[in-house]
Amino acid sequence: NEVAEAVRWATSANLVGAPATHELPYAHFENARQYRPCDVTEFMKAAEQAGDTAAALLLGELQMWWEPSWEHLQSLNGLCSPQKFGLRRQQLQSLALNDTRCKPEMRFEVLAREGLHSQATSILVST
């Protein structure tokens, strides 16, 4: 099946340099890493449509690892438990507050959406 092959390709390509598959759900998102563009949303949708929710979730976790953003967080909603989603949301907020290597646009958006307006404003002032 072409869809399954494309999902496998996207998964293996994005696992390079990431924590192992079995460690990714428990990875410390505060750990240092080289962020890189990663948009696998279409592969996630294809996996979900094919009934492979586990592959869709893994791709979503990889997307959050490499390119954390509010948009990528939202793509996890419905693929994981509310508790897991809440954890990822907290981790994203922590990255936005503390990791200056993250994109300033991402940091600002997350902090603003979380109601942390003074912190979001400080991101704009410091960049």
C-alpha atoms as a PDB file:
ATOM      1  CA  ASN A   1       0.000   0.000   0.000  1.00  0.00           C
ATOM      2  CA  GLU A   2       1.428   3.370  -1.050  1.00  0.00           C
ATOM      3  CA  VAL A   3      -0.006   5.208   1.965  1.00  0.00           C
ATOM      4  CA  ALA A   4       1.579   2.803   4.434  1.00  0.00           C
ATOM      5  CA  GLU A   5       4.904   3.050   2.607  1.00  0.00           C
ATOM      6  CA  ALA A   6       4.798   6.863   2.652  1.00  0.00           C
ATOM      7  CA  VAL A   7       3.977   6.854   6.381  1.00  0.00           C
ATOM      8  CA  ARG A   8       6.884   4.461   7.064  1.00  0.00           C
ATOM      9  CA  TRP A   9       9.216   6.687   5.046  1.00  0.00           C
ATOM     10  CA  ALA A  10       8.145   9.856   6.901  1.00  0.00           C
ATOM     11  CA  THR A  11       8.514   8.084  10.235  1.00  0.00           C
ATOM     12  CA  SER A  12      11.962   6.654   9.578  1.00  0.00           C
ATOM     13  CA  ALA A  13      13.234   9.933   8.100  1.00  0.00           C
ATOM     14  CA  ASN A  14      12.153  11.880  11.166  1.00  0.00           C
ATOM     15  CA  LEU A  15      13.421   9.326  13.676  1.00  0.00           C
ATOM     16  CA  VAL A  16      17.008  10.112  12.659  1.00  0.00           C
ATOM     17  CA  GLY A  17      18.477  11.954  15.647  1.00  0.00           C
ATOM     18  CA  ALA A  18      15.307  11.706  17.736  1.00  0.00           C
ATOM     19  CA  PRO A  19      14.796   9.545  20.802  1.00  0.00           C
ATOM     20  CA  ALA A  20      13.963   5.903  20.041  1.00  0.00           C
ATOM     21  CA  THR A  21      10.346   5.124  19.159  1.00  0.00           C
ATOM     22  CA  HIS A  22       9.664   3.549  22.557  1.00  0.00           C
ATOM     23  CA  GLU A  23      11.283   6.516  24.357  1.00  0.00           C
ATOM     24  CA  LEU A  24       9.675   9.360  22.404  1.00  0.00           C
ATOM     25  CA  PRO A  25       6.385   9.424  24.341  1.00  0.00           C
ATOM     26  CA  TYR A  26       8.399   9.787  27.549  1.00  0.00           C
ATOM     27  CA  ALA A  27      11.187  12.004  26.210  1.00  0.00           C
ATOM     28  CA  HIS A  28      12.135  15.073  28.155  1.00  0.00           C
ATOM     29  CA  PHE A  29      11.055  17.807  25.796  1.00  0.00           C
ATOM     30  CA  GLU A  30      13.216  20.258  27.704  1.00  0.00           C
ATOM     31  CA  ASN A  31      16.366  18.391  26.557  1.00  0.00           C
ATOM     32  CA  ALA A  32      18.645  20.271  24.185  1.00  0.00           C
ATOM     33  CA  ARG A  33      18.362  19.402  20.501  1.00  0.00           C
ATOM     34  CA  GLN A  34      18.761  21.008  17.120  1.00  0.00           C
ATOM     35  CA  TYR A  35      15.304  22.140  16.078  1.00  0.00           C
ATOM     36  CA  ARG A  36      14.469  21.684  12.427  1.00  0.00           C
ATOM     37  CA  PRO A  37      11.442  22.171  10.188  1.00  0.00           C
ATOM     38  CA  CYS A  38       9.136  19.187  10.388  1.00  0.00           C
ATOM     39  CA  ASP A  39       5.648  19.219   8.923  1.00  0.00           C
ATOM     40  CA  VAL A  40       4.277  15.715   8.617  1.00  0.00           C
ATOM     41  CA  THR A  41       0.628  16.687   9.044  1.00  0.00           C
ATOM     42  CA  GLU A  42      -0.399  15.157   5.710  1.00  0.00           C
ATOM     43  CA  PHE A  43       1.324  11.878   6.613  1.00  0.00           C
ATOM     44  CA  MET A  44      -0.468  11.939   9.980  1.00  0.00           C
ATOM     45  CA  LYS A  45      -3.822  12.424   8.265  1.00  0.00           C
ATOM     46  CA  ALA A  46      -3.065   9.611   5.819  1.00  0.00           C
ATOM     47  CA  ALA A  47      -2.095   7.240   8.638  1.00  0.00           C
ATOM     48  CA  GLU A  48      -5.222   8.123  10.589  1.00  0.00           C
ATOM     49  CA  GLN A  49      -7.438   7.647   7.533  1.00  0.00           C
ATOM     50  CA  ALA A  50      -5.799   4.255   6.984  1.00  0.00           C
ATOM     51  CA  GLY A  51      -6.706   3.340  10.565  1.00  0.00           C
ATOM     52  CA  ASP A  52      -3.145   3.470  11.874  1.00  0.00           C
ATOM     53  CA  THR A  53      -3.632   5.795  14.833  1.00  0.00           C
ATOM     54  CA  ALA A  54      -0.377   4.623  16.419  1.00  0.00           C
ATOM     55  CA  ALA A  55       1.628   5.751  13.373  1.00  0.00           C
ATOM     56  CA  ALA A  56      -0.250   9.055  13.265  1.00  0.00           C
ATOM     57  CA  LEU A  57       0.510   9.647  16.943  1.00  0.00           C
ATOM     58  CA  LEU A  58       4.186   8.750  16.500  1.00  0.00           C
ATOM     59  CA  LEU A  59       4.467  11.200  13.616  1.00  0.00           C
ATOM     60  CA  GLY A  60       2.772  13.858  15.738  1.00  0.00           C
ATOM     61  CA  GLU A  61       5.217  13.244  18.570  1.00  0.00           C
ATOM     62  CA  LEU A  62       8.136  13.535  16.141  1.00  0.00           C
ATOM     63  CA  GLN A  63       6.710  16.753  14.739  1.00  0.00           C
ATOM     64  CA  MET A  64       6.500  18.178  18.273  1.00  0.00           C
ATOM     65  CA  TRP A  65      10.055  17.025  19.022  1.00  0.00           C
ATOM     66  CA  TRP A  66      11.643  18.685  15.989  1.00  0.00           C
ATOM     67  CA  GLU A  67       9.416  21.705  15.495  1.00  0.00           C
ATOM     68  CA  PRO A  68       7.315  22.412  18.573  1.00  0.00           C
ATOM     69  CA  SER A  69       4.453  24.796  17.857  1.00  0.00           C
ATOM     70  CA  TRP A  70       0.872  25.525  18.830  1.00  0.00           C
ATOM     71  CA  GLU A  71      -0.306  24.228  15.449  1.00  0.00           C
ATOM     72  CA  HIS A  72       1.597  20.959  15.849  1.00  0.00           C
ATOM     73  CA  LEU A  73       0.266  20.560  19.379  1.00  0.00           C
ATOM     74  CA  GLN A  74      -3.276  20.849  18.044  1.00  0.00           C
ATOM     75  CA  SER A  75      -2.599  18.046  15.553  1.00  0.00           C
ATOM     76  CA  LEU A  76      -2.112  15.701  18.538  1.00  0.00           C
ATOM     77  CA  ASN A  77      -5.554  16.489  19.906  1.00  0.00           C
ATOM     78  CA  GLY A  78      -7.739  13.446  19.414  1.00  0.00           C
ATOM     79  CA  LEU A  79      -4.791  11.139  18.743  1.00  0.00           C
ATOM     80  CA  CYS A  80      -3.751  10.826  22.375  1.00  0.00           C
ATOM     81  CA  SER A  81      -5.421  10.838  25.769  1.00  0.00           C
ATOM     82  CA  PRO A  82      -6.455  14.152  27.328  1.00  0.00           C
ATOM     83  CA  GLN A  83      -3.757  13.615  29.974  1.00  0.00           C
ATOM     84  CA  LYS A  84      -1.035  13.152  27.338  1.00  0.00           C
ATOM     85  CA  PHE A  85      -2.302  16.186  25.427  1.00  0.00           C
ATOM     86  CA  GLY A  86      -2.209  18.227  28.646  1.00  0.00           C
ATOM     87  CA  LEU A  87       1.354  17.091  29.300  1.00  0.00           C
ATOM     88  CA  ARG A  88       2.460  18.097  25.800  1.00  0.00           C
ATOM     89  CA  ARG A  89       0.732  21.458  26.253  1.00  0.00           C
ATOM     90  CA  GLN A  90       2.617  22.040  29.514  1.00  0.00           C
ATOM     91  CA  GLN A  91       5.881  21.014  27.870  1.00  0.00           C
ATOM     92  CA  LEU A  92       5.266  23.399  24.976  1.00  0.00           C
ATOM     93  CA  GLN A  93       4.570  26.216  27.427  1.00  0.00           C
ATOM     94  CA  SER A  94       7.776  25.392  29.294  1.00  0.00           C
ATOM     95  CA  LEU A  95       9.766  25.473  26.050  1.00  0.00           C
ATOM     96  CA  ALA A  96       8.188  28.805  25.124  1.00  0.00           C
ATOM     97  CA  LEU A  97       9.105  30.257  28.512  1.00  0.00           C
ATOM     98  CA  ASN A  98      12.611  28.846  28.834  1.00  0.00           C
ATOM     99  CA  ASP A  99      14.187  27.727  25.554  1.00  0.00           C
ATOM    100  CA  THR A 100      15.650  30.666  23.674  1.00  0.00           C
ATOM    101  CA  ARG A 101      16.637  28.337  20.803  1.00  0.00           C
ATOM    102  CA  CYS A 102      12.972  27.925  19.850  1.00  0.00           C
ATOM    103  CA  LYS A 103      11.591  30.223  17.185  1.00  0.00           C
ATOM    104  CA  PRO A 104      10.550  33.564  18.694  1.00  0.00           C
ATOM    105  CA  GLU A 105       7.275  33.422  16.714  1.00  0.00           C
ATOM    106  CA  MET A 106       6.407  30.067  18.304  1.00  0.00           C
ATOM    107  CA  ARG A 107       7.345  31.274  21.766  1.00  0.00           C
ATOM    108  CA  PHE A 108       5.224  34.413  21.376  1.00  0.00           C
ATOM    109  CA  GLU A 109       2.192  32.549  20.010  1.00  0.00           C
ATOM    110  CA  VAL A 110       2.215  29.894  22.733  1.00  0.00           C
ATOM    111  CA  LEU A 111       2.638  32.399  25.549  1.00  0.00           C
ATOM    112  CA  ALA A 112      -0.057  34.681  24.145  1.00  0.00           C
ATOM    113  CA  ARG A 113      -2.511  31.785  23.699  1.00  0.00           C
ATOM    114  CA  GLU A 114      -1.786  30.618  27.243  1.00  0.00           C
ATOM    115  CA  GLY A 115      -2.589  34.101  28.574  1.00  0.00           C
ATOM    116  CA  LEU A 116       0.996  34.887  29.560  1.00  0.00           C
ATOM    117  CA  HIS A 117       0.938  38.282  27.889  1.00  0.00           C
ATOM    118  CA  SER A 118       3.777  39.979  29.764  1.00  0.00           C
ATOM    119  CA  GLN A 119       6.086  37.040  29.004  1.00  0.00           C
ATOM    120  CA  ALA A 120       4.976  37.087  25.358  1.00  0.00           C
ATOM    121  CA  THR A 121       5.688  40.819  25.174  1.00  0.00           C
ATOM    122  CA  SER A 122       9.157  40.272  26.616  1.00  0.00           C
ATOM    123  CA  ILE A 123       9.861  37.850  23.729  1.00  0.00           C
ATOM    124  CA  LEU A 124       9.080  40.646  21.268  1.00  0.00           C
ATOM    125  CA  VAL A 125      11.234  43.146  23.129  1.00  0.00           C
ATOM    126  CA  SER A 126      14.234  40.806  23.398  1.00  0.00           C
ATOM    127  CA  THR A 127      14.319  39.779  19.712  1.00  0.00           C
END
